[in-house]
Amino acid sequence: MKTSYDLVVIGGGPGGYEAAIRGAQLGMSVACIEKRVHKGEPALGGTCLNVGCIPSKALLDSSHRFEATKHELAEHGISTGEVSIDVAKMLERKDAIVKGLTGGVAGLLKGNGVDWLQGTGTLLDGKGETKKVQFAPIDGSDSSEISAKSVILAAGSVPIEIPVAKTDGEYIVDSTGALEFSEVPKRLGVIGAGVIGLELGSVWRRLGSEVVIYEAMPEFLAVADKDIAKEAGKLLKKQGLDIRVNTKVTNAEVVNGEVVVTTDVNGETKTDTFDKLIVCVGRRAYSEKLLADDCGIELTERGLVAVDDQCKTNLDNVYAIGDLVRGPMLAHKAMEEGMMAVERLHGEKAQVNYDAIISVIYTHPEIAWVGLTEEQAIAKGHEVKTGSFSLAANGRALAQGEGMGLVKVVADAKTDRLLGMHMVGVGAGDIVHQGMIALEFVSSIEDLQLMTFAHPTVSEAVHEAALSADGRAIHAIQRKKRK
């Protein structure tokens, strides 16, 4: 095994493996250290590919197809017999997708000349001109010391555990365990109405579970624009998700093979009983064994690695990215930060536009946004104008049976500059990218108004929302004065 590299990346998730590949493309000798073992085999791809983004989307797709077949085909004139779900087969499909993608990443590293070191990496010394990393193989063989000109820390995150609902891997599980239920729970409890809670709750609700989602915050989806959150909450509750805001879980225990959950609602104690309980209240940076006590890295009060706007730590040629640092814990953020870090190490002036990072919740319909909410824009001192358009008036959405949701744009009333785009509706995660591109190029509402959108498409709702901001929407009656 080599003991010296130009670049050592600790972590083989989306940010880490992309950084490693980009480093190799730029002519660096690169090692990527990753310790994950998934279903008995060493695996790259981090949480995202193994137990996060990809497997959850596979289950979301399978469960959506099941529900659509069972409840929605009749209106198209399509008749079916009795519809059932083979959970084992569904999980088998999910695992095959994961294995294919993680194996593909391994092939990409090998094809680009990156050494995948299977084990744990610890930054021993980042202060000197040559960095020192301890590598401990997962097979238990002796540790060794590796030297590097540069190091990128990309160790990712793990689910947050809470004392009142300790996971046992069988009845009370985290987001990883919720991907492996061997049968559909009759009653399912979920702590946390964030991205993970809504997605996993949706999967098992579609397959037949009675789902209760507890949210301690007084508002549903407080991170989203209020109009979008209100519409999304209405649609999800209509689907059967029992979302209870302002509800704090005070205890969860297994009694006779069932989970008894105690909650506090405005001082009133209530209890519910479930077959399974999913705890998904957020994630925390994973830094165990990542940093030696005297390595020289500065941490924040929250235990994150302290970095500047370009992800550089307080040490020369040491960067940290993704869930280890400030900002939203999103795979695509980590990817762009990994690329930026490598390119800056190579002397280039790469940047990440943190004002144009999209957030998506893959429920049905999807919920997505980019840029500022109306509330954030006002708080930042903007005189705001907004426009919105309902998919109930969009021909393509109606033809697909998806006439639910809306698109909303937020702009500065004085400059006409687009500040944010928000959507709940079919394909929201893809359509909101139009807003991301517009933000990246400092577009105005007028720019969106002057563009020609293909008809019939769901994207026309973006055009109509932009027109609506100035009282000019064609397919909606507006009271505001047209300009």
Protein backbone atom coordinates (compact mmCIF):
# COMPACT_ATOMS: atom_id res chain seq x y z
CA MET A 1 0.00 0.00 0.00
CA LYS A 2 1.19 3.49 -0.84
CA THR A 3 2.00 5.72 2.12
CA SER A 4 2.09 9.10 0.40
CA TYR A 5 -0.47 10.96 -1.74
CA ASP A 6 -1.14 14.41 -3.08
CA LEU A 7 -4.69 14.23 -1.67
CA VAL A 8 -6.37 12.08 0.94
CA VAL A 9 -10.18 12.25 1.16
CA ILE A 10 -11.68 10.84 4.36
CA GLY A 11 -15.19 9.74 3.49
CA GLY A 12 -16.59 8.03 0.38
CA GLY A 13 -20.05 9.59 0.27
CA PRO A 14 -21.25 11.83 -2.59
CA GLY A 15 -19.02 14.75 -1.59
CA GLY A 16 -16.01 12.58 -0.86
CA TYR A 17 -16.00 10.35 -3.91
CA GLU A 18 -16.66 13.28 -6.27
CA ALA A 19 -13.78 15.20 -4.68
CA ALA A 20 -11.52 12.18 -5.10
CA ILE A 21 -12.44 11.73 -8.76
CA ARG A 22 -12.02 15.44 -9.53
CA GLY A 23 -8.63 15.41 -7.81
CA ALA A 24 -7.52 12.54 -10.00
CA GLN A 25 -8.78 14.36 -13.10
CA LEU A 26 -6.56 17.28 -12.12
CA GLY A 27 -3.51 15.03 -11.99
CA MET A 28 -3.29 14.38 -8.25
CA SER A 29 -2.47 11.03 -6.67
CA VAL A 30 -5.56 10.38 -4.55
CA ALA A 31 -6.69 8.02 -1.81
CA CYS A 32 -10.31 7.86 -0.64
CA ILE A 33 -10.79 6.31 2.80
CA GLU A 34 -14.21 4.78 3.52
CA LYS A 35 -15.11 2.32 6.27
CA ARG A 36 -18.78 1.60 5.47
CA VAL A 37 -19.88 -2.02 5.24
CA HIS A 38 -23.39 -2.45 3.83
CA LYS A 39 -25.10 -5.83 3.98
CA GLY A 40 -21.77 -7.54 4.60
CA GLU A 41 -19.77 -5.85 1.84
CA PRO A 42 -17.53 -2.74 1.82
CA ALA A 43 -19.49 0.05 0.17
CA LEU A 44 -18.90 3.52 -1.19
CA GLY A 45 -21.61 6.15 -1.59
CA GLY A 46 -22.12 7.08 2.06
CA THR A 47 -25.52 7.46 3.67
CA CYS A 48 -27.03 8.78 0.42
CA LEU A 49 -26.52 5.72 -1.76
CA ASN A 50 -26.71 3.04 0.93
CA VAL A 51 -29.33 4.02 3.49
CA GLY A 52 -30.61 7.45 2.52
CA CYS A 53 -31.51 9.23 -0.71
CA ILE A 54 -31.43 6.30 -3.13
CA PRO A 55 -33.10 3.45 -1.20
CA SER A 56 -35.80 5.76 0.14
CA LYS A 57 -36.59 6.96 -3.40
CA ALA A 58 -36.78 3.35 -4.58
CA LEU A 59 -39.37 2.61 -1.89
CA LEU A 60 -41.22 5.85 -2.62
CA ASP A 61 -41.48 4.84 -6.28
CA SER A 62 -42.62 1.29 -5.51
CA SER A 63 -45.21 2.43 -2.98
CA HIS A 64 -46.51 5.14 -5.32
CA ARG A 65 -46.97 2.61 -8.11
CA PHE A 66 -48.82 0.31 -5.72
CA GLU A 67 -51.17 3.05 -4.56
CA ALA A 68 -51.78 4.31 -8.09
CA THR A 69 -52.58 0.81 -9.33
CA LYS A 70 -54.94 0.19 -6.43
CA HIS A 71 -56.76 3.50 -6.32
CA GLU A 72 -56.17 5.63 -9.42
CA LEU A 73 -56.32 3.44 -12.53
CA ALA A 74 -60.10 3.02 -12.55
CA GLU A 75 -60.69 6.65 -13.56
CA HIS A 76 -58.53 5.99 -16.64
CA GLY A 77 -60.78 3.09 -17.60
CA ILE A 78 -58.17 0.54 -16.55
CA SER A 79 -59.49 -2.43 -14.58
CA THR A 80 -57.32 -4.61 -12.38
CA GLY A 81 -57.85 -7.61 -10.18
CA GLU A 82 -56.89 -7.75 -6.53
CA VAL A 83 -53.70 -5.77 -5.91
CA SER A 84 -51.18 -6.84 -3.27
CA ILE A 85 -47.65 -5.89 -2.27
CA ASP A 86 -44.75 -8.32 -1.94
CA VAL A 87 -42.60 -6.42 0.57
CA ALA A 88 -39.67 -8.80 0.23
CA LYS A 89 -39.62 -8.28 -3.55
CA MET A 90 -39.86 -4.52 -3.09
CA LEU A 91 -36.87 -4.55 -0.74
CA GLU A 92 -34.97 -6.81 -3.14
CA ARG A 93 -35.46 -4.25 -5.92
CA LYS A 94 -34.30 -1.45 -3.60
CA ASP A 95 -31.17 -3.40 -2.65
CA ALA A 96 -30.36 -4.16 -6.28
CA ILE A 97 -30.51 -0.46 -7.16
CA VAL A 98 -28.23 0.39 -4.24
CA LYS A 99 -25.73 -2.33 -5.12
CA GLY A 100 -25.61 -1.24 -8.74
CA LEU A 101 -24.92 2.38 -7.86
CA THR A 102 -22.35 1.73 -5.15
CA GLY A 103 -20.58 -0.74 -7.41
CA GLY A 104 -20.60 1.92 -10.11
CA VAL A 105 -18.88 4.38 -7.78
CA ALA A 106 -16.20 1.80 -7.02
CA GLY A 107 -15.67 1.40 -10.76
CA LEU A 108 -15.39 5.16 -11.20
CA LEU A 109 -12.72 5.44 -8.51
CA LYS A 110 -10.75 2.57 -10.01
CA GLY A 111 -11.13 3.93 -13.55
CA ASN A 112 -9.79 7.30 -12.46
CA GLY A 113 -6.83 5.83 -10.58
CA VAL A 114 -8.12 6.62 -7.08
CA ASP A 115 -7.07 4.19 -4.35
CA TRP A 116 -10.03 3.12 -2.23
CA LEU A 117 -8.71 2.39 1.24
CA GLN A 118 -11.30 0.36 3.14
CA GLY A 119 -11.14 1.48 6.74
CA THR A 120 -11.09 4.46 9.09
CA GLY A 121 -9.13 7.64 8.53
CA THR A 122 -8.00 9.92 11.37
CA LEU A 123 -6.31 13.26 10.81
CA LEU A 124 -3.27 13.12 13.09
CA ASP A 125 -1.55 16.35 12.12
CA GLY A 126 -2.84 19.01 9.80
CA LYS A 127 -0.57 21.82 10.94
CA GLY A 128 2.58 20.91 9.08
CA GLU A 129 3.31 21.28 5.39
CA THR A 130 2.83 17.52 5.07
CA LYS A 131 -0.41 16.24 6.59
CA LYS A 132 -0.53 12.96 8.49
CA VAL A 133 -3.48 10.56 8.44
CA GLN A 134 -3.80 7.31 10.35
CA PHE A 135 -5.46 4.53 8.36
CA ALA A 136 -7.05 1.60 10.23
CA PRO A 137 -8.25 -1.17 7.85
CA ILE A 138 -11.71 -2.63 8.41
CA ASP A 139 -10.25 -6.15 8.35
CA GLY A 140 -8.54 -5.47 11.68
CA SER A 141 -4.98 -5.51 10.36
CA ASP A 142 -2.38 -3.08 11.67
CA SER A 143 -2.88 0.65 11.27
CA SER A 144 -0.49 2.68 9.17
CA GLU A 145 0.37 6.33 8.70
CA ILE A 146 -0.22 8.09 5.41
CA SER A 147 1.22 11.45 4.44
CA ALA A 148 -0.55 13.87 2.13
CA LYS A 149 -0.08 17.34 0.71
CA SER A 150 -3.80 18.02 1.20
CA VAL A 151 -6.73 16.49 3.07
CA ILE A 152 -10.48 16.79 2.58
CA LEU A 153 -12.71 15.75 5.48
CA ALA A 154 -16.00 14.29 4.23
CA ALA A 155 -17.18 11.91 6.93
CA GLY A 156 -20.88 12.81 6.69
CA SER A 157 -23.50 12.47 9.40
CA VAL A 158 -25.59 10.00 11.42
CA PRO A 159 -29.17 10.10 12.76
CA ILE A 160 -29.69 12.01 16.00
CA GLU A 161 -30.73 9.82 18.92
CA ILE A 162 -33.11 11.09 21.60
CA PRO A 163 -33.27 9.78 25.18
CA VAL A 164 -37.07 9.56 25.26
CA ALA A 165 -37.18 7.13 22.32
CA LYS A 166 -34.09 4.95 22.27
CA THR A 167 -33.85 2.80 19.16
CA ASP A 168 -33.70 -0.98 19.55
CA GLY A 169 -33.44 -1.93 15.88
CA GLU A 170 -36.74 -3.85 15.94
CA TYR A 171 -39.67 -1.88 17.30
CA ILE A 172 -38.13 1.60 17.62
CA VAL A 173 -35.89 2.33 14.64
CA ASP A 174 -34.07 5.19 12.95
CA SER A 175 -34.34 6.08 9.28
CA THR A 176 -32.08 3.18 8.31
CA GLY A 177 -34.24 0.62 10.08
CA ALA A 178 -37.37 2.05 8.46
CA LEU A 179 -36.02 0.98 5.07
CA GLU A 180 -35.98 -2.68 6.13
CA PHE A 181 -39.44 -3.47 7.54
CA SER A 182 -40.21 -7.06 6.47
CA GLU A 183 -43.95 -6.40 6.55
CA VAL A 184 -46.28 -3.43 6.51
CA PRO A 185 -46.93 -2.18 10.07
CA LYS A 186 -50.61 -1.86 10.86
CA ARG A 187 -49.96 1.27 12.91
CA LEU A 188 -46.81 3.33 12.47
CA GLY A 189 -45.58 6.26 14.52
CA VAL A 190 -43.02 8.77 13.24
CA ILE A 191 -41.21 11.34 15.37
CA GLY A 192 -40.32 14.32 13.19
CA ALA A 193 -42.28 15.89 10.33
CA GLY A 194 -39.21 16.90 8.35
CA VAL A 195 -37.97 15.55 5.03
CA ILE A 196 -37.19 12.04 6.28
CA GLY A 197 -40.30 11.67 8.41
CA LEU A 198 -42.65 12.75 5.63
CA GLU A 199 -40.99 10.53 3.02
CA LEU A 200 -40.84 7.38 5.15
CA GLY A 201 -44.29 8.02 6.54
CA SER A 202 -45.58 8.32 2.97
CA VAL A 203 -43.99 5.01 1.91
CA TRP A 204 -45.67 2.92 4.58
CA ARG A 205 -48.95 4.85 4.53
CA ARG A 206 -49.33 4.06 0.82
CA LEU A 207 -48.75 0.38 1.55
CA GLY A 208 -51.49 0.30 4.18
CA SER A 209 -50.14 1.63 7.49
CA GLU A 210 -52.10 4.00 9.67
CA VAL A 211 -49.45 6.70 10.15
CA VAL A 212 -49.17 9.31 12.89
CA ILE A 213 -46.38 11.89 12.57
CA TYR A 214 -45.41 13.91 15.65
CA GLU A 215 -43.86 17.35 15.21
CA ALA A 216 -42.69 19.35 18.22
CA MET A 217 -42.68 22.66 16.33
CA PRO A 218 -45.90 24.68 16.37
CA GLU A 219 -45.88 25.05 12.58
CA PHE A 220 -45.75 22.42 9.87
CA LEU A 221 -42.65 22.68 7.64
CA ALA A 222 -41.42 25.90 9.22
CA VAL A 223 -38.39 25.89 6.87
CA ALA A 224 -40.61 26.23 3.80
CA ASP A 225 -42.58 29.18 2.50
CA LYS A 226 -45.80 29.46 4.52
CA ASP A 227 -48.10 29.24 1.49
CA ILE A 228 -46.33 26.12 0.26
CA ALA A 229 -46.30 24.54 3.72
CA LYS A 230 -50.01 25.21 4.14
CA GLU A 231 -50.87 23.65 0.78
CA ALA A 232 -48.55 20.68 1.35
CA GLY A 233 -49.96 20.02 4.79
CA LYS A 234 -53.51 20.04 3.43
CA LEU A 235 -52.64 17.58 0.65
CA LEU A 236 -50.68 15.19 2.88
CA LYS A 237 -53.40 15.10 5.50
CA LYS A 238 -55.96 14.42 2.76
CA GLN A 239 -53.87 11.38 1.81
CA GLY A 240 -54.22 10.02 5.34
CA LEU A 241 -51.07 11.17 7.12
CA ASP A 242 -52.06 12.19 10.65
CA ILE A 243 -49.62 15.07 11.20
CA ARG A 244 -49.73 16.47 14.73
CA VAL A 245 -47.82 19.71 15.24
CA ASN A 246 -46.95 21.23 18.61
CA THR A 247 -46.74 17.69 19.96
CA LYS A 248 -43.73 16.67 22.05
CA VAL A 249 -42.91 13.01 22.56
CA THR A 250 -42.00 12.53 26.24
CA ASN A 251 -41.55 8.75 26.27
CA ALA A 252 -41.60 5.70 24.04
CA GLU A 253 -41.29 2.15 25.33
CA VAL A 254 -41.98 -1.35 24.09
CA VAL A 255 -44.74 -3.13 25.99
CA ASN A 256 -45.82 -6.65 24.98
CA GLY A 257 -44.47 -6.28 21.47
CA GLU A 258 -45.99 -2.85 20.86
CA VAL A 259 -44.60 0.67 21.14
CA VAL A 260 -46.42 2.90 23.59
CA VAL A 261 -45.77 6.59 22.88
CA THR A 262 -46.53 9.30 25.41
CA THR A 263 -46.90 12.88 24.21
CA ASP A 264 -47.42 16.33 25.65
CA VAL A 265 -49.79 18.68 23.82
CA ASN A 266 -50.09 22.05 25.52
CA GLY A 267 -49.66 20.39 28.91
CA GLU A 268 -52.10 17.54 28.19
CA THR A 269 -50.67 14.01 28.27
CA LYS A 270 -51.78 11.55 25.60
CA THR A 271 -50.73 8.04 24.59
CA ASP A 272 -50.76 6.08 21.33
CA THR A 273 -49.80 2.49 20.55
CA PHE A 274 -47.95 1.40 17.41
CA ASP A 275 -46.44 -1.68 15.84
CA LYS A 276 -43.34 0.33 14.87
CA LEU A 277 -41.92 3.75 15.67
CA ILE A 278 -39.49 5.67 13.45
CA VAL A 279 -37.27 8.31 15.06
CA CYS A 280 -36.14 10.91 12.53
CA VAL A 281 -35.52 14.19 14.31
CA GLY A 282 -32.46 15.19 12.29
CA ARG A 283 -28.84 14.25 11.82
CA ARG A 284 -25.53 15.24 13.41
CA ALA A 285 -22.03 15.49 12.01
CA TYR A 286 -20.13 12.21 12.26
CA SER A 287 -16.68 12.96 13.63
CA GLU A 288 -15.88 9.89 15.75
CA LYS A 289 -12.23 8.89 15.20
CA LEU A 290 -11.98 11.52 12.46
CA LEU A 291 -9.80 14.02 14.32
CA ALA A 292 -6.93 13.43 16.71
CA ASP A 293 -7.11 15.69 19.76
CA ASP A 294 -4.02 17.62 18.71
CA CYS A 295 -4.59 17.66 14.93
CA GLY A 296 -5.18 21.41 15.01
CA ILE A 297 -8.70 21.58 13.53
CA GLU A 298 -11.07 24.15 14.99
CA LEU A 299 -14.67 23.14 15.70
CA THR A 300 -17.80 25.25 16.16
CA GLU A 301 -19.95 25.30 19.29
CA ARG A 302 -22.25 22.76 17.61
CA GLY A 303 -19.39 20.36 16.99
CA LEU A 304 -19.14 21.07 13.27
CA VAL A 305 -15.80 21.63 11.56
CA ALA A 306 -15.28 25.40 11.28
CA VAL A 307 -14.77 26.51 7.67
CA ASP A 308 -14.90 29.66 5.56
CA ASP A 309 -17.18 30.24 2.57
CA GLN A 310 -14.95 28.02 0.43
CA CYS A 311 -14.88 25.14 2.98
CA LYS A 312 -11.27 25.79 4.03
CA THR A 313 -10.53 24.99 7.67
CA ASN A 314 -8.18 27.00 9.85
CA LEU A 315 -5.33 24.81 8.51
CA ASP A 316 -3.64 25.26 5.14
CA ASN A 317 -4.60 22.63 2.56
CA VAL A 318 -7.20 21.04 4.83
CA TYR A 319 -10.84 21.37 3.76
CA ALA A 320 -14.09 20.00 5.21
CA ILE A 321 -17.34 19.54 3.31
CA GLY A 322 -20.91 18.30 3.44
CA ASP A 323 -22.63 17.36 6.67
CA LEU A 324 -19.47 18.08 8.69
CA VAL A 325 -19.85 21.82 8.10
CA ARG A 326 -22.43 24.62 8.25
CA GLY A 327 -25.45 24.71 6.03
CA PRO A 328 -28.14 22.20 5.04
CA MET A 329 -27.29 18.49 5.10
CA LEU A 330 -27.87 17.76 1.42
CA ALA A 331 -25.98 15.38 -0.82
CA HIS A 332 -25.88 17.84 -3.72
CA LYS A 333 -24.43 20.54 -1.45
CA ALA A 334 -21.68 18.11 -0.41
CA MET A 335 -20.99 17.25 -4.04
CA GLU A 336 -20.49 20.86 -5.07
CA GLU A 337 -18.40 21.59 -1.99
CA GLY A 338 -16.17 18.61 -2.75
CA MET A 339 -15.57 19.82 -6.28
CA MET A 340 -14.94 23.37 -5.04
CA ALA A 341 -12.45 22.23 -2.40
CA VAL A 342 -10.38 20.21 -4.87
CA GLU A 343 -10.34 22.93 -7.46
CA ARG A 344 -9.27 25.54 -4.92
CA LEU A 345 -6.48 23.22 -3.80
CA HIS A 346 -5.49 23.16 -7.47
CA GLY A 347 -5.33 26.96 -7.52
CA GLU A 348 -8.66 27.67 -9.18
CA LYS A 349 -11.26 30.16 -7.90
CA ALA A 350 -14.22 27.82 -7.60
CA GLN A 351 -17.29 28.90 -5.62
CA VAL A 352 -20.60 27.46 -4.45
CA ASN A 353 -23.63 29.72 -4.63
CA TYR A 354 -25.29 28.96 -1.31
CA ASP A 355 -28.20 31.20 -2.23
CA ALA A 356 -29.24 28.81 -5.00
CA ILE A 357 -29.28 25.38 -3.35
CA ILE A 358 -32.50 23.48 -3.86
CA SER A 359 -34.35 21.56 -1.15
CA VAL A 360 -36.72 18.74 -2.15
CA ILE A 361 -39.12 16.53 -0.21
CA TYR A 362 -40.03 13.51 -2.34
CA THR A 363 -43.58 13.01 -1.12
CA HIS A 364 -46.39 12.92 -3.67
CA PRO A 365 -46.79 15.58 -4.71
CA GLU A 366 -43.22 16.73 -4.26
CA ILE A 367 -42.34 19.82 -2.25
CA ALA A 368 -39.36 21.88 -3.41
CA TRP A 369 -37.88 25.32 -3.07
CA VAL A 370 -34.84 27.43 -3.86
CA GLY A 371 -33.81 30.87 -2.66
CA LEU A 372 -35.69 33.00 -0.15
CA THR A 373 -39.19 32.41 1.17
CA GLU A 374 -41.51 35.39 1.30
CA GLU A 375 -40.93 35.62 5.06
CA GLN A 376 -37.14 35.48 4.71
CA ALA A 377 -37.14 38.11 1.99
CA ILE A 378 -39.14 40.52 4.16
CA ALA A 379 -36.85 39.84 7.12
CA LYS A 380 -33.86 40.74 4.94
CA GLY A 381 -35.39 44.14 4.16
CA HIS A 382 -36.79 43.52 0.69
CA GLU A 383 -39.99 45.14 -0.46
CA VAL A 384 -41.56 41.97 -1.74
CA LYS A 385 -43.93 41.07 -4.54
CA THR A 386 -45.13 37.52 -5.11
CA GLY A 387 -46.97 35.57 -7.74
CA SER A 388 -48.54 32.14 -7.59
CA PHE A 389 -50.42 29.76 -9.83
CA SER A 390 -52.47 26.69 -8.99
CA LEU A 391 -51.89 23.44 -10.85
CA ALA A 392 -55.67 23.03 -10.84
CA ALA A 393 -55.58 25.36 -13.87
CA ASN A 394 -52.65 23.67 -15.61
CA GLY A 395 -53.71 21.51 -18.55
CA ARG A 396 -50.80 19.09 -18.45
CA ALA A 397 -51.15 18.50 -14.69
CA LEU A 398 -54.88 17.85 -15.07
CA ALA A 399 -54.30 15.44 -17.97
CA GLN A 400 -51.95 13.48 -15.70
CA GLY A 401 -54.43 13.49 -12.84
CA GLU A 402 -52.04 15.75 -10.90
CA GLY A 403 -53.99 19.00 -10.62
CA MET A 404 -52.99 19.63 -7.02
CA GLY A 405 -50.46 22.10 -5.65
CA LEU A 406 -49.07 25.42 -6.78
CA VAL A 407 -46.01 27.36 -7.89
CA LYS A 408 -44.97 30.55 -6.11
CA VAL A 409 -42.31 33.11 -7.01
CA VAL A 410 -40.87 35.74 -4.67
CA ALA A 411 -39.21 38.88 -6.03
CA ASP A 412 -37.94 42.29 -5.00
CA ALA A 413 -40.67 44.79 -5.86
CA LYS A 414 -38.20 47.60 -6.61
CA THR A 415 -35.65 45.77 -8.75
CA ASP A 416 -37.90 42.97 -10.09
CA ARG A 417 -35.11 40.51 -9.24
CA LEU A 418 -36.22 36.95 -8.52
CA LEU A 419 -35.45 36.00 -4.91
CA GLY A 420 -37.00 32.55 -4.64
CA MET A 421 -39.16 29.90 -6.27
CA HIS A 422 -41.32 27.42 -4.37
CA MET A 423 -43.58 24.59 -5.44
CA VAL A 424 -45.72 21.76 -4.22
CA GLY A 425 -46.88 19.60 -7.07
CA VAL A 426 -45.98 16.96 -9.60
CA GLY A 427 -42.31 17.11 -10.61
CA ALA A 428 -41.56 19.97 -8.21
CA GLY A 429 -38.01 18.72 -7.59
CA ASP A 430 -37.23 19.07 -11.29
CA ILE A 431 -39.26 22.16 -12.11
CA VAL A 432 -37.77 24.27 -9.31
CA HIS A 433 -34.39 23.91 -11.06
CA GLN A 434 -35.72 26.58 -13.41
CA GLY A 435 -35.73 28.90 -10.42
CA MET A 436 -32.22 27.81 -9.48
CA ILE A 437 -30.93 28.69 -12.96
CA ALA A 438 -32.76 32.00 -12.86
CA LEU A 439 -31.21 32.84 -9.48
CA GLU A 440 -27.76 31.84 -10.71
CA PHE A 441 -28.06 34.26 -13.61
CA VAL A 442 -29.67 37.04 -11.53
CA SER A 443 -32.87 36.94 -13.54
CA SER A 444 -35.88 39.15 -13.08
CA ILE A 445 -39.57 38.33 -13.00
CA GLU A 446 -39.79 40.02 -16.39
CA ASP A 447 -37.21 37.58 -17.76
CA LEU A 448 -39.47 34.67 -16.79
CA GLN A 449 -42.49 36.47 -18.25
CA LEU A 450 -40.77 36.93 -21.62
CA MET A 451 -39.71 33.30 -21.96
CA THR A 452 -41.74 30.90 -24.10
CA PHE A 453 -42.76 27.76 -22.21
CA ALA A 454 -43.88 24.70 -24.16
CA HIS A 455 -47.60 23.89 -24.07
CA PRO A 456 -48.90 21.78 -22.52
CA THR A 457 -46.36 21.34 -19.73
CA VAL A 458 -46.43 21.62 -15.96
CA SER A 459 -43.62 24.17 -16.31
CA GLU A 460 -46.15 26.63 -17.73
CA ALA A 461 -47.20 27.14 -14.11
CA VAL A 462 -43.83 28.86 -13.56
CA HIS A 463 -44.62 31.26 -16.39
CA GLU A 464 -48.08 31.96 -15.03
CA ALA A 465 -46.73 32.51 -11.50
CA ALA A 466 -44.27 35.06 -12.89
CA LEU A 467 -47.06 36.81 -14.78
CA SER A 468 -49.16 36.71 -11.63
CA ALA A 469 -46.54 38.72 -9.74
CA ASP A 470 -47.52 41.71 -11.90
CA GLY A 471 -51.22 40.92 -12.15
CA ARG A 472 -50.86 39.52 -15.66
CA ALA A 473 -51.69 35.81 -15.25
CA ILE A 474 -53.79 34.63 -18.18
CA HIS A 475 -55.31 31.46 -16.75
CA ALA A 476 -56.33 32.88 -13.37
CA ILE A 477 -58.61 35.75 -12.47
CA GLN A 478 -56.61 38.33 -10.52
CA ARG A 479 -57.64 41.32 -8.51
CA LYS A 480 -54.31 43.10 -8.53
CA LYS A 481 -53.86 45.80 -11.14
CA ARG A 482 -52.30 44.62 -14.38
CA LYS A 483 -49.11 46.34 -15.59
